[in-house]
């Protein structure tokens, strides 16, 4: 199993210690790029896949780099409903 598959399998298990950097890597291996909303965006970012015309908006966590469980569930739903994982 390669690095990409290991990252996807780890995400599917919905661990409580999944970090924002791992989430960014996950979206990257699925063909997404990070897009800032501009200078006034603050912690808001958007993962954009131009080829599939998909985007997912998110906030960078402030103090703790771990992604909250409800966000993990939302991302999992987004990725599975769009048949990306």
N, C-alpha and C. Protein backbone atom coordinates (compact mmCIF):
# COMPACT_ATOMS: atom_id res chain seq x y z
N UNK A 1 0.85 -1.17 0.00
CA UNK A 1 0.00 0.00 0.00
C UNK A 1 0.89 1.23 0.00
N UNK A 2 0.61 2.16 -0.91
CA UNK A 2 1.42 3.37 -1.02
C UNK A 2 1.02 4.43 -0.02
N UNK A 3 1.76 5.53 -0.04
CA UNK A 3 1.53 6.63 0.89
C UNK A 3 0.13 7.22 0.71
N UNK A 4 -0.30 7.36 -0.54
CA UNK A 4 -1.62 7.92 -0.83
C UNK A 4 -2.71 7.05 -0.21
N UNK A 5 -2.62 5.76 -0.41
CA UNK A 5 -3.62 4.83 0.11
C UNK A 5 -3.62 4.81 1.64
N UNK A 6 -2.42 4.89 2.24
CA UNK A 6 -2.33 4.91 3.70
C UNK A 6 -3.00 6.16 4.28
N UNK A 7 -2.78 7.30 3.63
CA UNK A 7 -3.39 8.54 4.08
C UNK A 7 -4.92 8.47 3.97
N UNK A 8 -5.42 7.94 2.88
CA UNK A 8 -6.87 7.81 2.69
C UNK A 8 -7.46 6.86 3.72
N UNK A 9 -6.80 5.74 3.95
CA UNK A 9 -7.30 4.77 4.94
C UNK A 9 -7.28 5.37 6.35
N UNK A 10 -6.23 6.12 6.67
CA UNK A 10 -6.18 6.78 7.98
C UNK A 10 -7.34 7.77 8.12
N UNK A 11 -7.60 8.53 7.08
CA UNK A 11 -8.70 9.49 7.13
C UNK A 11 -10.05 8.78 7.30
N UNK A 12 -10.26 7.68 6.59
CA UNK A 12 -11.53 6.94 6.67
C UNK A 12 -11.79 6.42 8.08
N UNK A 13 -10.73 6.16 8.85
CA UNK A 13 -10.90 5.70 10.24
C UNK A 13 -11.33 6.84 11.16
N UNK A 14 -11.29 8.07 10.65
CA UNK A 14 -11.71 9.26 11.40
C UNK A 14 -10.99 9.41 12.74
N UNK A 15 -9.64 9.43 12.73
CA UNK A 15 -8.91 9.56 13.99
C UNK A 15 -9.08 10.95 14.59
N UNK A 16 -8.99 11.03 15.90
CA UNK A 16 -9.15 12.31 16.60
C UNK A 16 -7.91 13.20 16.47
N UNK A 17 -6.78 12.62 16.02
CA UNK A 17 -5.55 13.39 15.90
C UNK A 17 -5.17 13.71 14.45
N UNK A 18 -6.14 13.66 13.53
CA UNK A 18 -5.88 13.99 12.13
C UNK A 18 -5.64 15.50 12.04
N UNK A 19 -4.48 15.89 11.52
CA UNK A 19 -4.08 17.30 11.54
C UNK A 19 -4.51 18.03 10.27
N UNK A 20 -4.43 19.35 10.35
CA UNK A 20 -4.76 20.18 9.19
C UNK A 20 -3.77 19.92 8.05
N UNK A 21 -2.51 19.70 8.37
CA UNK A 21 -1.52 19.39 7.33
C UNK A 21 -1.87 18.09 6.62
N UNK A 22 -2.33 17.10 7.36
CA UNK A 22 -2.75 15.84 6.74
C UNK A 22 -3.97 16.05 5.86
N UNK A 23 -4.90 16.88 6.31
CA UNK A 23 -6.09 17.17 5.50
C UNK A 23 -5.69 17.86 4.21
N UNK A 24 -4.76 18.79 4.29
CA UNK A 24 -4.27 19.47 3.09
C UNK A 24 -3.62 18.48 2.14
N UNK A 25 -2.81 17.56 2.66
CA UNK A 25 -2.18 16.53 1.83
C UNK A 25 -3.23 15.62 1.20
N UNK A 26 -4.26 15.26 1.97
CA UNK A 26 -5.33 14.41 1.45
C UNK A 26 -6.01 15.07 0.26
N UNK A 27 -6.39 16.32 0.41
CA UNK A 27 -7.03 17.02 -0.71
C UNK A 27 -6.06 17.13 -1.89
N UNK A 28 -4.78 17.36 -1.61
CA UNK A 28 -3.78 17.46 -2.69
C UNK A 28 -3.67 16.17 -3.49
N UNK A 29 -3.61 15.02 -2.81
CA UNK A 29 -3.48 13.76 -3.54
C UNK A 29 -4.76 13.43 -4.31
N UNK A 30 -5.87 14.06 -3.94
CA UNK A 30 -7.13 13.85 -4.66
C UNK A 30 -7.33 14.88 -5.78
N UNK A 31 -6.30 15.69 -6.04
CA UNK A 31 -6.34 16.61 -7.17
C UNK A 31 -6.80 18.02 -6.85
N UNK A 32 -6.83 18.38 -5.57
CA UNK A 32 -7.27 19.72 -5.17
C UNK A 32 -6.07 20.61 -4.92
N UNK A 33 -6.26 21.91 -5.09
CA UNK A 33 -5.25 22.91 -4.75
C UNK A 33 -5.84 23.84 -3.70
N UNK A 34 -4.98 24.43 -2.89
CA UNK A 34 -5.43 25.37 -1.86
C UNK A 34 -5.55 26.75 -2.48
N UNK A 35 -6.68 27.38 -2.23
CA UNK A 35 -6.92 28.73 -2.73
C UNK A 35 -7.26 29.63 -1.54
N UNK A 36 -6.51 30.71 -1.39
CA UNK A 36 -6.81 31.70 -0.36
C UNK A 36 -7.93 32.59 -0.89
N UNK A 37 -8.73 33.12 -0.01
CA UNK A 37 -9.84 33.98 -0.41
C UNK A 37 -9.41 35.44 -0.57
N UNK A 38 -8.15 35.73 -0.39
CA UNK A 38 -7.67 37.10 -0.48
C UNK A 38 -7.01 37.53 0.82
N UNK A 39 -6.58 38.77 0.88
CA UNK A 39 -5.87 39.27 2.06
C UNK A 39 -6.75 39.28 3.30
N UNK A 40 -8.04 39.48 3.15
CA UNK A 40 -8.94 39.58 4.30
C UNK A 40 -9.60 38.26 4.64
N UNK A 41 -9.10 37.17 4.10
CA UNK A 41 -9.74 35.88 4.32
C UNK A 41 -9.50 35.32 5.71
N UNK A 42 -8.47 35.78 6.39
CA UNK A 42 -8.15 35.24 7.71
C UNK A 42 -7.77 33.79 7.62
N UNK A 43 -8.47 32.94 8.36
CA UNK A 43 -8.14 31.52 8.36
C UNK A 43 -8.96 30.72 7.35
N UNK A 44 -9.77 31.40 6.57
CA UNK A 44 -10.59 30.69 5.57
C UNK A 44 -9.76 30.33 4.34
N UNK A 45 -9.91 29.09 3.90
CA UNK A 45 -9.27 28.63 2.68
C UNK A 45 -10.27 27.80 1.89
N UNK A 46 -9.94 27.53 0.65
CA UNK A 46 -10.80 26.71 -0.17
C UNK A 46 -9.93 25.69 -0.92
N UNK A 47 -10.36 24.45 -0.89
CA UNK A 47 -9.71 23.40 -1.68
C UNK A 47 -10.47 23.33 -3.00
N UNK A 48 -9.75 23.51 -4.11
CA UNK A 48 -10.40 23.60 -5.42
C UNK A 48 -9.84 22.53 -6.36
N UNK A 49 -10.75 21.81 -7.01
CA UNK A 49 -10.38 20.86 -8.05
C UNK A 49 -11.03 21.37 -9.34
N UNK A 50 -10.25 22.06 -10.15
CA UNK A 50 -10.76 22.67 -11.37
C UNK A 50 -11.23 21.63 -12.38
N UNK A 51 -10.52 20.51 -12.43
CA UNK A 51 -10.84 19.45 -13.40
C UNK A 51 -12.25 18.89 -13.16
N UNK A 52 -12.59 18.66 -11.90
CA UNK A 52 -13.89 18.09 -11.57
C UNK A 52 -14.91 19.16 -11.18
N UNK A 53 -14.48 20.43 -11.21
CA UNK A 53 -15.33 21.56 -10.85
C UNK A 53 -15.93 21.39 -9.45
N UNK A 54 -15.06 21.07 -8.49
CA UNK A 54 -15.46 20.89 -7.10
C UNK A 54 -14.65 21.83 -6.22
N UNK A 55 -15.27 22.24 -5.11
CA UNK A 55 -14.52 23.01 -4.11
C UNK A 55 -15.10 22.71 -2.74
N UNK A 56 -14.22 22.87 -1.75
CA UNK A 56 -14.62 22.66 -0.36
C UNK A 56 -13.99 23.76 0.48
N UNK A 57 -14.81 24.52 1.17
CA UNK A 57 -14.33 25.61 2.02
C UNK A 57 -14.04 25.10 3.42
N UNK A 58 -12.99 25.63 4.03
CA UNK A 58 -12.61 25.20 5.38
C UNK A 58 -11.93 26.35 6.11
N UNK A 59 -11.78 26.17 7.42
CA UNK A 59 -11.03 27.10 8.26
C UNK A 59 -9.81 26.38 8.82
N UNK A 60 -8.69 27.08 8.84
CA UNK A 60 -7.51 26.53 9.49
C UNK A 60 -7.76 26.57 11.00
N UNK A 61 -7.44 25.50 11.72
CA UNK A 61 -7.60 25.54 13.17
C UNK A 61 -6.62 26.53 13.79
N UNK A 62 -7.02 27.17 14.86
CA UNK A 62 -6.18 28.22 15.44
C UNK A 62 -5.12 27.68 16.39
N UNK A 63 -5.51 27.13 17.50
CA UNK A 63 -4.52 26.69 18.49
C UNK A 63 -4.12 25.24 18.28
N UNK A 64 -5.09 24.38 18.21
CA UNK A 64 -4.84 22.95 18.05
C UNK A 64 -4.86 22.63 16.57
N UNK A 65 -3.88 21.91 16.08
CA UNK A 65 -3.84 21.61 14.65
C UNK A 65 -4.73 20.43 14.27
N UNK A 66 -5.31 19.75 15.28
CA UNK A 66 -6.20 18.61 15.00
C UNK A 66 -7.55 19.11 14.48
N UNK A 67 -8.08 18.39 13.51
CA UNK A 67 -9.37 18.72 12.92
C UNK A 67 -10.48 18.20 13.83
N UNK A 68 -11.50 19.01 14.04
CA UNK A 68 -12.62 18.60 14.88
C UNK A 68 -13.39 17.46 14.22
N UNK A 69 -13.99 16.60 15.05
CA UNK A 69 -14.65 15.40 14.54
C UNK A 69 -15.83 15.72 13.62
N UNK A 70 -16.60 16.77 13.90
CA UNK A 70 -17.73 17.08 13.03
C UNK A 70 -17.27 17.54 11.65
N UNK A 71 -16.11 18.20 11.59
CA UNK A 71 -15.55 18.61 10.30
C UNK A 71 -15.04 17.39 9.55
N UNK A 72 -14.42 16.47 10.27
CA UNK A 72 -13.95 15.23 9.64
C UNK A 72 -15.12 14.50 8.99
N UNK A 73 -16.26 14.43 9.68
CA UNK A 73 -17.44 13.76 9.12
C UNK A 73 -17.96 14.49 7.89
N UNK A 74 -17.95 15.82 7.93
CA UNK A 74 -18.40 16.61 6.78
C UNK A 74 -17.50 16.38 5.57
N UNK A 75 -16.20 16.36 5.80
CA UNK A 75 -15.25 16.13 4.70
C UNK A 75 -15.42 14.73 4.14
N UNK A 76 -15.59 13.74 5.02
CA UNK A 76 -15.81 12.37 4.57
C UNK A 76 -17.06 12.28 3.70
N UNK A 77 -18.13 12.92 4.13
CA UNK A 77 -19.37 12.94 3.35
C UNK A 77 -19.16 13.61 1.99
N UNK A 78 -18.44 14.73 1.98
CA UNK A 78 -18.15 15.44 0.73
C UNK A 78 -17.36 14.56 -0.24
N UNK A 79 -16.31 13.91 0.28
CA UNK A 79 -15.45 13.10 -0.58
C UNK A 79 -16.14 11.84 -1.07
N UNK A 80 -16.94 11.20 -0.22
CA UNK A 80 -17.64 9.99 -0.66
C UNK A 80 -18.81 10.31 -1.58
N UNK A 81 -19.53 11.38 -1.32
CA UNK A 81 -20.66 11.72 -2.18
C UNK A 81 -20.21 12.13 -3.57
N UNK A 82 -18.99 12.64 -3.70
CA UNK A 82 -18.43 13.00 -5.00
C UNK A 82 -17.55 11.89 -5.58
N UNK A 83 -17.60 10.72 -4.94
CA UNK A 83 -16.90 9.52 -5.42
C UNK A 83 -15.40 9.73 -5.59
N UNK A 84 -14.81 10.44 -4.62
CA UNK A 84 -13.37 10.69 -4.65
C UNK A 84 -12.61 9.67 -3.81
N UNK A 85 -13.30 9.10 -2.81
CA UNK A 85 -12.69 8.01 -2.02
C UNK A 85 -13.71 6.92 -1.84
